[in-house]
Amino acid sequence: MPEDATPAGGLDAQVRAADPDRWLSSRFVGDLQARGDLIALYAFEAELLNIPTRVTQPMLAEMRYVWWRDQMDGVFAGVARKGHPVLEALTDIVARRGLRRAPFDALIEGHIGRVQGEPHDLDAFYVGPMQTAVQVLAGPAHEARVVDAGRVWGLIQVGRAEEARVLRPAANAALKGLPTAAFPAVAHAALTGSERGEGGKRLRLMWASLRGQV
């Protein structure tokens, strides 16, 4: 196993350290099991994101991504890799929530592409994971409503804030039909990067949640 397994019960702390914005948005999920499921998804993404920081050679990074790609066979067959909290949690969530494999594979392939010098795939990195998170919180049939919100979030992350601003009205129009329970999966797209500290981000997320807009 090429990754250091996070100790059991430590996924929340892992996500808070690696992905503080989405960790904050997850605080708006009232159902504790649903929040835990969301955190497990984000912990999986954190594991992938951290690979280039743990190895210095692109080939080694690619090998680790291939390892994760291979683990998806077990995850979607309902056979958890014992001793790896992220994979154990993911296997359980996939079975209970009926999640599709395609977004997971696309995300891993997106990371492999980045290692190989390919352009950032916004849909693989941001839209697919957001759609999966929405399904965890509100079930299937809402994927199309969050495509633009996912792209807004992605554009912010890659420093294309003006493009994100232009896309926001379309994203918010699509979000009008999104169940309230699913909004924490998209709330972080309301963050612009100009907020000061965690307190400023919390206020921004709270306002976004009240309006149902990013």
N, C-alpha and C. Protein backbone atom coordinates (compact mmCIF):
# COMPACT_ATOMS: atom_id res chain seq x y z
N MET A 1 0.85 -1.19 0.00
CA MET A 1 0.00 0.00 0.00
C MET A 1 0.88 1.24 0.00
N PRO A 2 0.89 2.06 -1.04
CA PRO A 2 1.82 3.16 -1.13
C PRO A 2 1.45 4.37 -0.31
N GLU A 3 0.23 4.42 0.19
CA GLU A 3 -0.19 5.59 0.97
C GLU A 3 -0.17 5.26 2.45
N ASP A 4 0.14 6.24 3.29
CA ASP A 4 0.03 6.07 4.73
C ASP A 4 -1.44 6.20 5.11
N ALA A 5 -2.01 5.15 5.66
CA ALA A 5 -3.42 5.18 6.02
C ALA A 5 -3.64 6.17 7.15
N THR A 6 -4.69 6.96 7.04
CA THR A 6 -5.07 7.88 8.10
C THR A 6 -5.67 7.08 9.24
N PRO A 7 -5.30 7.36 10.49
CA PRO A 7 -5.87 6.60 11.61
C PRO A 7 -7.39 6.69 11.62
N ALA A 8 -8.03 5.61 12.05
CA ALA A 8 -9.49 5.58 12.12
C ALA A 8 -9.99 6.76 12.94
N GLY A 9 -11.04 7.39 12.47
CA GLY A 9 -11.60 8.54 13.17
C GLY A 9 -10.90 9.84 12.86
N GLY A 10 -9.88 9.79 12.04
CA GLY A 10 -9.13 11.00 11.74
C GLY A 10 -9.46 11.65 10.43
N LEU A 11 -10.49 11.18 9.73
CA LEU A 11 -10.80 11.73 8.42
C LEU A 11 -11.23 13.19 8.50
N ASP A 12 -11.99 13.53 9.53
CA ASP A 12 -12.44 14.91 9.67
C ASP A 12 -11.25 15.84 9.84
N ALA A 13 -10.30 15.46 10.68
CA ALA A 13 -9.10 16.27 10.88
C ALA A 13 -8.27 16.34 9.61
N GLN A 14 -8.21 15.24 8.88
CA GLN A 14 -7.46 15.22 7.62
C GLN A 14 -8.04 16.22 6.64
N VAL A 15 -9.36 16.23 6.50
CA VAL A 15 -10.00 17.14 5.55
C VAL A 15 -9.87 18.59 6.03
N ARG A 16 -10.00 18.80 7.33
CA ARG A 16 -9.88 20.17 7.83
C ARG A 16 -8.52 20.76 7.50
N ALA A 17 -7.48 19.92 7.57
CA ALA A 17 -6.13 20.40 7.27
C ALA A 17 -5.89 20.55 5.77
N ALA A 18 -6.43 19.63 4.98
CA ALA A 18 -6.11 19.61 3.56
C ALA A 18 -7.07 20.44 2.71
N ASP A 19 -8.31 20.58 3.17
CA ASP A 19 -9.35 21.19 2.34
C ASP A 19 -10.27 22.02 3.25
N PRO A 20 -9.75 23.09 3.86
CA PRO A 20 -10.52 23.81 4.89
C PRO A 20 -11.81 24.43 4.37
N ASP A 21 -11.86 24.84 3.11
CA ASP A 21 -13.08 25.47 2.59
C ASP A 21 -14.23 24.47 2.53
N ARG A 22 -13.95 23.30 1.98
CA ARG A 22 -15.03 22.31 1.91
C ARG A 22 -15.33 21.71 3.28
N TRP A 23 -14.31 21.66 4.14
CA TRP A 23 -14.57 21.23 5.51
C TRP A 23 -15.57 22.19 6.17
N LEU A 24 -15.37 23.49 5.99
CA LEU A 24 -16.30 24.47 6.54
C LEU A 24 -17.71 24.30 5.98
N SER A 25 -17.81 24.09 4.69
CA SER A 25 -19.14 23.93 4.09
C SER A 25 -19.82 22.67 4.61
N SER A 26 -19.03 21.65 4.96
CA SER A 26 -19.62 20.41 5.48
C SER A 26 -20.24 20.61 6.85
N ARG A 27 -19.87 21.67 7.57
CA ARG A 27 -20.45 21.94 8.89
C ARG A 27 -21.93 22.28 8.80
N PHE A 28 -22.39 22.61 7.60
CA PHE A 28 -23.80 22.96 7.42
C PHE A 28 -24.67 21.74 7.15
N VAL A 29 -24.07 20.55 7.18
CA VAL A 29 -24.84 19.30 7.05
C VAL A 29 -25.27 18.88 8.45
N GLY A 30 -26.56 18.89 8.71
CA GLY A 30 -27.05 18.57 10.04
C GLY A 30 -27.04 17.09 10.36
N ASP A 31 -27.28 16.26 9.37
CA ASP A 31 -27.30 14.81 9.58
C ASP A 31 -25.86 14.32 9.72
N LEU A 32 -25.53 13.74 10.86
CA LEU A 32 -24.13 13.40 11.14
C LEU A 32 -23.60 12.29 10.23
N GLN A 33 -24.45 11.32 9.88
CA GLN A 33 -23.98 10.28 8.97
C GLN A 33 -23.70 10.87 7.59
N ALA A 34 -24.60 11.72 7.11
CA ALA A 34 -24.38 12.35 5.81
C ALA A 34 -23.13 13.21 5.83
N ARG A 35 -22.91 13.93 6.94
CA ARG A 35 -21.69 14.74 7.04
C ARG A 35 -20.45 13.85 7.01
N GLY A 36 -20.51 12.73 7.73
CA GLY A 36 -19.38 11.81 7.72
C GLY A 36 -19.11 11.23 6.34
N ASP A 37 -20.18 10.93 5.61
CA ASP A 37 -20.01 10.42 4.25
C ASP A 37 -19.35 11.47 3.36
N LEU A 38 -19.78 12.72 3.51
CA LEU A 38 -19.21 13.80 2.73
C LEU A 38 -17.73 13.96 3.06
N ILE A 39 -17.39 13.90 4.32
CA ILE A 39 -16.00 14.03 4.74
C ILE A 39 -15.16 12.90 4.17
N ALA A 40 -15.70 11.70 4.11
CA ALA A 40 -14.95 10.57 3.55
C ALA A 40 -14.64 10.81 2.07
N LEU A 41 -15.61 11.36 1.33
CA LEU A 41 -15.36 11.70 -0.07
C LEU A 41 -14.23 12.71 -0.18
N TYR A 42 -14.27 13.74 0.66
CA TYR A 42 -13.24 14.77 0.60
C TYR A 42 -11.88 14.23 1.05
N ALA A 43 -11.89 13.27 1.98
CA ALA A 43 -10.63 12.65 2.41
C ALA A 43 -10.00 11.86 1.26
N PHE A 44 -10.84 11.18 0.48
CA PHE A 44 -10.34 10.48 -0.70
C PHE A 44 -9.67 11.45 -1.65
N GLU A 45 -10.32 12.60 -1.90
CA GLU A 45 -9.72 13.60 -2.78
C GLU A 45 -8.43 14.15 -2.19
N ALA A 46 -8.40 14.32 -0.87
CA ALA A 46 -7.18 14.83 -0.22
C ALA A 46 -6.03 13.86 -0.41
N GLU A 47 -6.31 12.57 -0.33
CA GLU A 47 -5.26 11.57 -0.55
C GLU A 47 -4.66 11.72 -1.94
N LEU A 48 -5.51 11.90 -2.94
CA LEU A 48 -5.02 12.05 -4.31
C LEU A 48 -4.23 13.34 -4.47
N LEU A 49 -4.74 14.41 -3.89
CA LEU A 49 -4.10 15.71 -4.03
C LEU A 49 -2.72 15.74 -3.39
N ASN A 50 -2.53 14.96 -2.33
CA ASN A 50 -1.27 15.00 -1.59
C ASN A 50 -0.16 14.17 -2.23
N ILE A 51 -0.50 13.33 -3.18
CA ILE A 51 0.53 12.44 -3.75
C ILE A 51 1.73 13.21 -4.29
N PRO A 52 1.57 14.26 -5.09
CA PRO A 52 2.75 14.96 -5.61
C PRO A 52 3.61 15.60 -4.53
N THR A 53 3.06 15.81 -3.33
CA THR A 53 3.85 16.38 -2.24
C THR A 53 4.67 15.32 -1.52
N ARG A 54 4.36 14.06 -1.77
CA ARG A 54 5.04 12.96 -1.08
C ARG A 54 6.13 12.31 -1.91
N VAL A 55 6.10 12.52 -3.20
CA VAL A 55 7.11 11.93 -4.08
C VAL A 55 7.68 13.03 -4.97
N THR A 56 8.91 12.83 -5.43
CA THR A 56 9.56 13.87 -6.22
C THR A 56 9.58 13.56 -7.71
N GLN A 57 9.34 12.30 -8.07
CA GLN A 57 9.42 11.92 -9.47
C GLN A 57 8.02 11.67 -10.05
N PRO A 58 7.73 12.25 -11.20
CA PRO A 58 6.39 12.05 -11.82
C PRO A 58 6.02 10.58 -12.00
N MET A 59 6.98 9.75 -12.34
CA MET A 59 6.67 8.34 -12.55
C MET A 59 6.18 7.69 -11.26
N LEU A 60 6.81 8.05 -10.13
CA LEU A 60 6.36 7.49 -8.86
C LEU A 60 4.96 7.99 -8.50
N ALA A 61 4.70 9.26 -8.79
CA ALA A 61 3.36 9.80 -8.54
C ALA A 61 2.33 9.06 -9.38
N GLU A 62 2.65 8.83 -10.63
CA GLU A 62 1.72 8.13 -11.51
C GLU A 62 1.46 6.71 -11.00
N MET A 63 2.50 6.05 -10.49
CA MET A 63 2.33 4.70 -9.95
C MET A 63 1.36 4.70 -8.77
N ARG A 64 1.43 5.73 -7.95
CA ARG A 64 0.52 5.81 -6.81
C ARG A 64 -0.92 6.05 -7.26
N TYR A 65 -1.07 6.86 -8.29
CA TYR A 65 -2.42 7.07 -8.81
C TYR A 65 -2.97 5.79 -9.42
N VAL A 66 -2.13 5.04 -10.08
CA VAL A 66 -2.56 3.75 -10.64
C VAL A 66 -2.99 2.82 -9.51
N TRP A 67 -2.26 2.86 -8.39
CA TRP A 67 -2.65 2.05 -7.22
C TRP A 67 -4.06 2.42 -6.78
N TRP A 68 -4.34 3.72 -6.68
CA TRP A 68 -5.67 4.14 -6.28
C TRP A 68 -6.72 3.73 -7.32
N ARG A 69 -6.38 3.83 -8.58
CA ARG A 69 -7.31 3.40 -9.62
C ARG A 69 -7.64 1.92 -9.47
N ASP A 70 -6.63 1.12 -9.17
CA ASP A 70 -6.87 -0.31 -8.97
C ASP A 70 -7.75 -0.57 -7.76
N GLN A 71 -7.62 0.25 -6.73
CA GLN A 71 -8.43 0.06 -5.52
C GLN A 71 -9.92 0.28 -5.78
N MET A 72 -10.24 1.02 -6.82
CA MET A 72 -11.65 1.25 -7.13
C MET A 72 -12.38 -0.04 -7.49
N ASP A 73 -11.64 -1.04 -7.98
CA ASP A 73 -12.28 -2.33 -8.26
C ASP A 73 -12.89 -2.90 -6.98
N GLY A 74 -12.11 -2.87 -5.90
CA GLY A 74 -12.62 -3.38 -4.63
C GLY A 74 -13.71 -2.51 -4.05
N VAL A 75 -13.53 -1.20 -4.15
CA VAL A 75 -14.52 -0.26 -3.62
C VAL A 75 -15.88 -0.51 -4.24
N PHE A 76 -15.92 -0.67 -5.55
CA PHE A 76 -17.21 -0.81 -6.24
C PHE A 76 -17.68 -2.26 -6.31
N ALA A 77 -16.85 -3.18 -5.84
CA ALA A 77 -17.30 -4.57 -5.70
C ALA A 77 -17.76 -4.84 -4.27
N GLY A 78 -17.64 -3.84 -3.40
CA GLY A 78 -18.05 -4.00 -2.02
C GLY A 78 -17.04 -4.72 -1.16
N VAL A 79 -15.78 -4.74 -1.61
CA VAL A 79 -14.73 -5.42 -0.86
C VAL A 79 -13.74 -4.35 -0.38
N ALA A 80 -13.90 -3.92 0.86
CA ALA A 80 -13.06 -2.84 1.39
C ALA A 80 -11.63 -3.33 1.61
N ARG A 81 -10.67 -2.45 1.41
CA ARG A 81 -9.28 -2.76 1.75
C ARG A 81 -9.11 -2.54 3.25
N LYS A 82 -8.99 -3.61 3.98
CA LYS A 82 -8.93 -3.54 5.42
C LYS A 82 -7.70 -2.76 5.89
N GLY A 83 -7.91 -1.94 6.89
CA GLY A 83 -6.80 -1.19 7.46
C GLY A 83 -6.58 0.16 6.83
N HIS A 84 -7.34 0.50 5.79
CA HIS A 84 -7.22 1.82 5.16
C HIS A 84 -8.54 2.55 5.38
N PRO A 85 -8.61 3.46 6.36
CA PRO A 85 -9.90 4.09 6.71
C PRO A 85 -10.59 4.78 5.55
N VAL A 86 -9.84 5.41 4.65
CA VAL A 86 -10.48 6.10 3.53
C VAL A 86 -11.17 5.10 2.61
N LEU A 87 -10.47 4.05 2.26
CA LEU A 87 -11.04 3.05 1.36
C LEU A 87 -12.17 2.27 2.03
N GLU A 88 -12.03 2.00 3.32
CA GLU A 88 -13.11 1.32 4.03
C GLU A 88 -14.37 2.18 4.04
N ALA A 89 -14.20 3.46 4.36
CA ALA A 89 -15.36 4.36 4.38
C ALA A 89 -15.96 4.51 3.00
N LEU A 90 -15.11 4.63 1.99
CA LEU A 90 -15.60 4.83 0.63
C LEU A 90 -16.39 3.62 0.14
N THR A 91 -15.91 2.43 0.47
CA THR A 91 -16.61 1.21 0.06
C THR A 91 -18.01 1.17 0.66
N ASP A 92 -18.12 1.53 1.91
CA ASP A 92 -19.42 1.55 2.58
C ASP A 92 -20.35 2.59 1.95
N ILE A 93 -19.82 3.78 1.68
CA ILE A 93 -20.64 4.87 1.13
C ILE A 93 -21.14 4.53 -0.27
N VAL A 94 -20.26 3.99 -1.10
CA VAL A 94 -20.64 3.62 -2.46
C VAL A 94 -21.81 2.65 -2.44
N ALA A 95 -21.76 1.68 -1.54
CA ALA A 95 -22.84 0.69 -1.46
C ALA A 95 -24.13 1.32 -0.95
N ARG A 96 -24.06 2.12 0.10
CA ARG A 96 -25.27 2.69 0.69
C ARG A 96 -25.90 3.77 -0.17
N ARG A 97 -25.06 4.55 -0.87
CA ARG A 97 -25.58 5.69 -1.63
C ARG A 97 -25.76 5.39 -3.12
N GLY A 98 -25.32 4.22 -3.56
CA GLY A 98 -25.47 3.87 -4.97
C GLY A 98 -24.67 4.79 -5.89
N LEU A 99 -23.45 5.12 -5.49
CA LEU A 99 -22.65 6.07 -6.26
C LEU A 99 -22.10 5.44 -7.53
N ARG A 100 -21.92 6.27 -8.54
CA ARG A 100 -21.36 5.82 -9.82
C ARG A 100 -19.84 5.85 -9.77
N ARG A 101 -19.22 4.94 -10.49
CA ARG A 101 -17.76 4.86 -10.50
C ARG A 101 -17.13 5.91 -11.41
N ALA A 102 -17.81 6.32 -12.47
CA ALA A 102 -17.19 7.17 -13.49
C ALA A 102 -16.52 8.43 -12.92
N PRO A 103 -17.16 9.17 -12.00
CA PRO A 103 -16.49 10.37 -11.49
C PRO A 103 -15.20 10.07 -10.73
N PHE A 104 -15.15 8.93 -10.03
CA PHE A 104 -13.94 8.56 -9.31
C PHE A 104 -12.80 8.25 -10.28
N ASP A 105 -13.12 7.48 -11.31
CA ASP A 105 -12.10 7.16 -12.31
C ASP A 105 -11.64 8.42 -13.04
N ALA A 106 -12.59 9.30 -13.36
CA ALA A 106 -12.22 10.53 -14.07
C ALA A 106 -11.30 11.40 -13.22
N LEU A 107 -11.56 11.47 -11.92
CA LEU A 107 -10.72 12.26 -11.03
C LEU A 107 -9.30 11.70 -10.99
N ILE A 108 -9.18 10.40 -10.85
CA ILE A 108 -7.85 9.80 -10.82
C ILE A 108 -7.13 10.02 -12.14
N GLU A 109 -7.84 9.84 -13.25
CA GLU A 109 -7.22 10.07 -14.55
C GLU A 109 -6.83 11.54 -14.72
N GLY A 110 -7.63 12.45 -14.16
CA GLY A 110 -7.27 13.86 -14.20
C GLY A 110 -5.96 14.13 -13.49
N HIS A 111 -5.77 13.48 -12.35
CA HIS A 111 -4.51 13.64 -11.61
C HIS A 111 -3.34 13.06 -12.40
N ILE A 112 -3.56 11.91 -13.03
CA ILE A 112 -2.49 11.33 -13.85
C ILE A 112 -2.15 12.28 -14.99
N GLY A 113 -3.17 12.88 -15.60
CA GLY A 113 -2.94 13.83 -16.67
C GLY A 113 -2.11 15.01 -16.21
N ARG A 114 -2.38 15.50 -14.99
CA ARG A 114 -1.62 16.63 -14.47
C ARG A 114 -0.15 16.25 -14.28
N VAL A 115 0.08 15.04 -13.78
CA VAL A 115 1.46 14.57 -13.62
C VAL A 115 2.18 14.53 -14.97
N GLN A 116 1.42 14.21 -16.00
CA GLN A 116 2.00 14.11 -17.35
C GLN A 116 2.03 15.46 -18.08
N GLY A 117 1.63 16.52 -17.39
CA GLY A 117 1.70 17.85 -17.97
C GLY A 117 0.50 18.28 -18.77
N GLU A 118 -0.61 17.55 -18.65
CA GLU A 118 -1.81 17.91 -19.40
C GLU A 118 -2.54 19.07 -18.70
N PRO A 119 -3.41 19.79 -19.43
CA PRO A 119 -4.16 20.90 -18.82
C PRO A 119 -5.08 20.42 -17.71
N HIS A 120 -5.42 21.33 -16.81
CA HIS A 120 -6.30 21.04 -15.69
C HIS A 120 -7.70 20.73 -16.23
N ASP A 121 -8.24 19.57 -15.90
CA ASP A 121 -9.57 19.16 -16.33
C ASP A 121 -10.58 19.60 -15.27
N LEU A 122 -11.23 20.74 -15.47
CA LEU A 122 -12.13 21.29 -14.46
C LEU A 122 -13.28 20.34 -14.13
N ASP A 123 -13.83 19.69 -15.15
CA ASP A 123 -14.96 18.80 -14.89
C ASP A 123 -14.54 17.60 -14.05
N ALA A 124 -13.38 17.05 -14.33
CA ALA A 124 -12.91 15.88 -13.57
C ALA A 124 -12.57 16.25 -12.14
N PHE A 125 -11.93 17.39 -11.95
CA PHE A 125 -11.47 17.78 -10.62
C PHE A 125 -12.56 18.40 -9.75
N TYR A 126 -13.52 19.08 -10.35
CA TYR A 126 -14.46 19.86 -9.56
C TYR A 126 -15.92 19.53 -9.80
N VAL A 127 -16.33 19.36 -11.05
CA VAL A 127 -17.74 19.10 -11.33
C VAL A 127 -18.14 17.70 -10.87
N GLY A 128 -17.41 16.68 -11.30
CA GLY A 128 -17.74 15.31 -10.93
C GLY A 128 -17.78 15.10 -9.43
N PRO A 129 -16.76 15.55 -8.68
CA PRO A 129 -16.82 15.40 -7.23
C PRO A 129 -17.99 16.14 -6.59
N MET A 130 -18.33 17.32 -7.11
CA MET A 130 -19.47 18.04 -6.55
C MET A 130 -20.77 17.29 -6.82
N GLN A 131 -20.91 16.71 -8.01
CA GLN A 131 -22.10 15.93 -8.32
C GLN A 131 -22.22 14.72 -7.40
N THR A 132 -21.09 14.07 -7.12
CA THR A 132 -21.11 12.92 -6.22
C THR A 132 -21.50 13.36 -4.81
N ALA A 133 -20.97 14.49 -4.36
CA ALA A 133 -21.30 15.00 -3.04
C ALA A 133 -22.79 15.32 -2.93
N VAL A 134 -23.35 15.89 -3.98
CA VAL A 134 -24.78 16.20 -3.99
C VAL A 134 -25.60 14.92 -3.90
N GLN A 135 -25.17 13.88 -4.60
CA GLN A 135 -25.91 12.61 -4.52
C GLN A 135 -25.87 12.05 -3.11
N VAL A 136 -24.75 12.19 -2.42
CA VAL A 136 -24.65 11.72 -1.05
C VAL A 136 -25.67 12.42 -0.16
N LEU A 137 -25.85 13.72 -0.37
CA LEU A 137 -26.72 14.49 0.51
C LEU A 137 -28.20 14.47 0.10
N ALA A 138 -28.47 14.29 -1.19
CA ALA A 138 -29.87 14.41 -1.64
C ALA A 138 -30.30 13.35 -2.63
N GLY A 139 -29.49 12.34 -2.86
CA GLY A 139 -29.86 11.30 -3.79
C GLY A 139 -29.57 11.69 -5.23
N PRO A 140 -29.86 10.79 -6.18
CA PRO A 140 -29.55 11.05 -7.59
C PRO A 140 -30.52 12.05 -8.22
N ALA A 141 -30.30 12.35 -9.47
CA ALA A 141 -31.18 13.19 -10.31
C ALA A 141 -30.95 14.68 -10.16
N HIS A 142 -29.89 15.08 -9.46
CA HIS A 142 -29.61 16.50 -9.32
C HIS A 142 -28.28 16.91 -9.97
N GLU A 143 -27.63 15.97 -10.66
CA GLU A 143 -26.29 16.22 -11.17
C GLU A 143 -26.21 17.44 -12.09
N ALA A 144 -27.19 17.57 -12.99
CA ALA A 144 -27.13 18.65 -13.97
C ALA A 144 -27.23 20.02 -13.33
N ARG A 145 -27.86 20.11 -12.17
CA ARG A 145 -28.06 21.40 -11.53
C ARG A 145 -26.77 22.02 -10.99
N VAL A 146 -25.73 21.22 -10.81
CA VAL A 146 -24.52 21.74 -10.16
C VAL A 146 -23.31 21.80 -11.09
N VAL A 147 -23.53 21.57 -12.38
CA VAL A 147 -22.41 21.60 -13.31
C VAL A 147 -21.73 22.97 -13.31
N ASP A 148 -22.50 24.02 -13.45
CA ASP A 148 -21.90 25.36 -13.49
C ASP A 148 -21.33 25.76 -12.13
N ALA A 149 -21.97 25.35 -11.04
CA ALA A 149 -21.43 25.65 -9.72
C ALA A 149 -20.07 24.97 -9.54
N GLY A 150 -19.96 23.74 -10.03
CA GLY A 150 -18.67 23.05 -9.96
C GLY A 150 -17.60 23.76 -10.77
N ARG A 151 -17.99 24.28 -11.90
CA ARG A 151 -17.02 25.00 -12.73
C ARG A 151 -16.64 26.34 -12.10
N VAL A 152 -17.60 27.00 -11.43
CA VAL A 152 -17.27 28.23 -10.71
C VAL A 152 -16.20 27.94 -9.65
N TRP A 153 -16.43 26.87 -8.89
CA TRP A 153 -15.46 26.49 -7.85
C TRP A 153 -14.10 26.17 -8.47
N GLY A 154 -14.10 25.44 -9.56
CA GLY A 154 -12.85 25.08 -10.22
C GLY A 154 -12.11 26.30 -10.74
N LEU A 155 -12.83 27.22 -11.35
CA LEU A 155 -12.21 28.43 -11.88
C LEU A 155 -11.56 29.25 -10.76
N ILE A 156 -12.21 29.31 -9.62
CA ILE A 156 -11.64 30.02 -8.48
C ILE A 156 -10.34 29.33 -8.04
N GLN A 157 -10.36 28.02 -8.00
CA GLN A 157 -9.19 27.28 -7.52
C GLN A 157 -7.98 27.42 -8.44
N VAL A 158 -8.21 27.63 -9.72
CA VAL A 158 -7.09 27.76 -10.65
C VAL A 158 -6.78 29.22 -10.98
N GLY A 159 -7.35 30.14 -10.20
CA GLY A 159 -7.00 31.54 -10.35
C GLY A 159 -7.69 32.28 -11.47
N ARG A 160 -8.83 31.78 -11.93
CA ARG A 160 -9.57 32.44 -13.01
C ARG A 160 -10.84 33.06 -12.45
N ALA A 161 -10.65 33.98 -11.50
CA ALA A 161 -11.75 34.55 -10.74
C ALA A 161 -12.73 35.31 -11.60
N GLU A 162 -12.26 36.01 -12.63
CA GLU A 162 -13.16 36.79 -13.47
C GLU A 162 -14.10 35.88 -14.24
N GLU A 163 -13.58 34.76 -14.74
CA GLU A 163 -14.44 33.80 -15.44
C GLU A 163 -15.47 33.21 -14.48
N ALA A 164 -15.05 32.99 -13.23
CA ALA A 164 -15.98 32.47 -12.22
C ALA A 164 -17.09 33.48 -11.97
N ARG A 165 -16.75 34.76 -11.89
CA ARG A 165 -17.75 35.80 -11.65
C ARG A 165 -18.78 35.84 -12.78
N VAL A 166 -18.32 35.72 -14.01
CA VAL A 166 -19.22 35.75 -15.16
C VAL A 166 -20.16 34.55 -15.16
N LEU A 167 -19.68 33.41 -14.71
CA LEU A 167 -20.47 32.18 -14.74
C LEU A 167 -21.45 32.07 -13.57
N ARG A 168 -21.25 32.84 -12.54
CA ARG A 168 -22.08 32.72 -11.33
C ARG A 168 -23.59 32.85 -11.58
N PRO A 169 -24.05 33.83 -12.35
CA PRO A 169 -25.50 33.94 -12.56
C PRO A 169 -26.12 32.67 -13.15
N ALA A 170 -25.45 32.05 -14.11
CA ALA A 170 -25.97 30.80 -14.68
C ALA A 170 -25.94 29.69 -13.64
N ALA A 171 -24.90 29.66 -12.83
CA ALA A 171 -24.82 28.64 -11.78
C ALA A 171 -25.96 28.79 -10.80
N ASN A 172 -26.24 30.02 -10.40
CA ASN A 172 -27.31 30.25 -9.43
C ASN A 172 -28.69 29.96 -10.01
N ALA A 173 -28.87 30.24 -11.29
CA ALA A 173 -30.14 29.91 -11.93
C ALA A 173 -30.39 28.41 -11.90
N ALA A 174 -29.35 27.63 -12.15
CA ALA A 174 -29.48 26.18 -12.13
C ALA A 174 -29.71 25.64 -10.72
N LEU A 175 -29.17 26.32 -9.72
CA LEU A 175 -29.27 25.85 -8.35
C LEU A 175 -30.65 26.06 -7.74
N LYS A 176 -31.53 26.80 -8.40
CA LYS A 176 -32.84 27.09 -7.83
C LYS A 176 -33.63 25.82 -7.53
N GLY A 177 -33.42 24.77 -8.31
CA GLY A 177 -34.16 23.54 -8.07
C GLY A 177 -33.43 22.53 -7.21
N LEU A 178 -32.28 22.93 -6.65
CA LEU A 178 -31.50 21.99 -5.84
C LEU A 178 -32.11 21.87 -4.45
N PRO A 179 -32.30 20.64 -3.94
CA PRO A 179 -32.83 20.48 -2.59
C PRO A 179 -31.94 21.18 -1.56
N THR A 180 -32.57 21.76 -0.57
CA THR A 180 -31.83 22.48 0.47
C THR A 180 -30.78 21.59 1.13
N ALA A 181 -31.12 20.32 1.32
CA ALA A 181 -30.20 19.40 1.98
C ALA A 181 -28.90 19.23 1.23
N ALA A 182 -28.93 19.47 -0.09
CA ALA A 182 -27.74 19.26 -0.92
C ALA A 182 -26.84 20.49 -0.98
N PHE A 183 -27.32 21.64 -0.52
CA PHE A 183 -26.56 22.87 -0.73
C PHE A 183 -25.18 22.88 -0.08
N PRO A 184 -24.96 22.24 1.08
CA PRO A 184 -23.60 22.22 1.62
C PRO A 184 -22.57 21.60 0.69
N ALA A 185 -23.02 20.81 -0.27
CA ALA A 185 -22.08 20.22 -1.22
C ALA A 185 -21.60 21.21 -2.27
N VAL A 186 -22.29 22.36 -2.36
CA VAL A 186 -21.91 23.36 -3.36
C VAL A 186 -21.58 24.72 -2.73
N ALA A 187 -21.86 24.88 -1.43
CA ALA A 187 -21.74 26.19 -0.78
C ALA A 187 -20.37 26.81 -0.92
N HIS A 188 -19.32 26.00 -0.93
CA HIS A 188 -17.96 26.53 -0.99
C HIS A 188 -17.68 27.28 -2.29
N ALA A 189 -18.51 27.05 -3.32
CA ALA A 189 -18.34 27.79 -4.57
C ALA A 189 -18.68 29.27 -4.39
N ALA A 190 -19.30 29.61 -3.25
CA ALA A 190 -19.59 31.02 -2.96
C ALA A 190 -18.35 31.77 -2.48
N LEU A 191 -17.33 31.04 -2.05
CA LEU A 191 -16.11 31.68 -1.57
C LEU A 191 -15.32 32.24 -2.75
N THR A 192 -14.83 33.43 -2.59
CA THR A 192 -14.13 34.10 -3.69
C THR A 192 -12.61 34.17 -3.49
N GLY A 193 -12.17 33.83 -2.28
CA GLY A 193 -10.74 33.96 -1.98
C GLY A 193 -10.40 35.28 -1.32
N SER A 194 -11.36 36.17 -1.24
CA SER A 194 -11.11 37.48 -0.63
C SER A 194 -11.54 37.52 0.84
N GLU A 195 -12.17 36.45 1.32
CA GLU A 195 -12.62 36.42 2.70
C GLU A 195 -11.42 36.38 3.65
N ARG A 196 -11.57 37.02 4.80
CA ARG A 196 -10.49 37.08 5.77
C ARG A 196 -10.70 36.04 6.87
N GLY A 197 -9.85 35.04 6.88
CA GLY A 197 -9.88 34.04 7.93
C GLY A 197 -11.09 33.15 7.91
N GLU A 198 -11.10 32.21 8.87
CA GLU A 198 -12.20 31.25 8.94
C GLU A 198 -13.52 31.93 9.27
N GLY A 199 -13.47 32.96 10.12
CA GLY A 199 -14.70 33.66 10.47
C GLY A 199 -15.36 34.30 9.27
N GLY A 200 -14.56 34.94 8.42
CA GLY A 200 -15.12 35.56 7.22
C GLY A 200 -15.70 34.54 6.28
N LYS A 201 -15.05 33.39 6.19
CA LYS A 201 -15.56 32.34 5.33
C LYS A 201 -16.87 31.77 5.86
N ARG A 202 -16.94 31.59 7.17
CA ARG A 202 -18.18 31.08 7.77
C ARG A 202 -19.35 32.01 7.48
N LEU A 203 -19.12 33.30 7.62
CA LEU A 203 -20.19 34.26 7.34
C LEU A 203 -20.62 34.20 5.88
N ARG A 204 -19.64 34.09 4.98
CA ARG A 204 -19.95 34.00 3.56
C ARG A 204 -20.76 32.73 3.26
N LEU A 205 -20.35 31.63 3.85
CA LEU A 205 -21.05 30.37 3.63
C LEU A 205 -22.46 30.40 4.22
N MET A 206 -22.60 31.03 5.38
CA MET A 206 -23.92 31.13 6.00
C MET A 206 -24.86 31.96 5.12
N TRP A 207 -24.37 33.06 4.61
CA TRP A 207 -25.18 33.92 3.75
C TRP A 207 -25.56 33.17 2.47
N ALA A 208 -24.60 32.45 1.90
CA ALA A 208 -24.88 31.68 0.68
C ALA A 208 -25.93 30.62 0.94
N SER A 209 -25.84 29.97 2.12
CA SER A 209 -26.80 28.91 2.45
C SER A 209 -28.20 29.47 2.64
N LEU A 210 -28.29 30.63 3.25
CA LEU A 210 -29.60 31.26 3.46
C LEU A 210 -30.25 31.63 2.14
N ARG A 211 -29.45 32.08 1.18
CA ARG A 211 -29.99 32.49 -0.13
C ARG A 211 -30.10 31.32 -1.09
N GLY A 212 -29.33 30.26 -0.84
CA GLY A 212 -29.29 29.15 -1.78
C GLY A 212 -28.58 29.50 -3.06
N GLN A 213 -27.59 30.39 -2.96
CA GLN A 213 -26.85 30.86 -4.12
C GLN A 213 -25.37 30.87 -3.83
N VAL A 214 -24.58 30.72 -4.89
CA VAL A 214 -23.14 30.84 -4.76
C VAL A 214 -22.65 32.14 -5.37
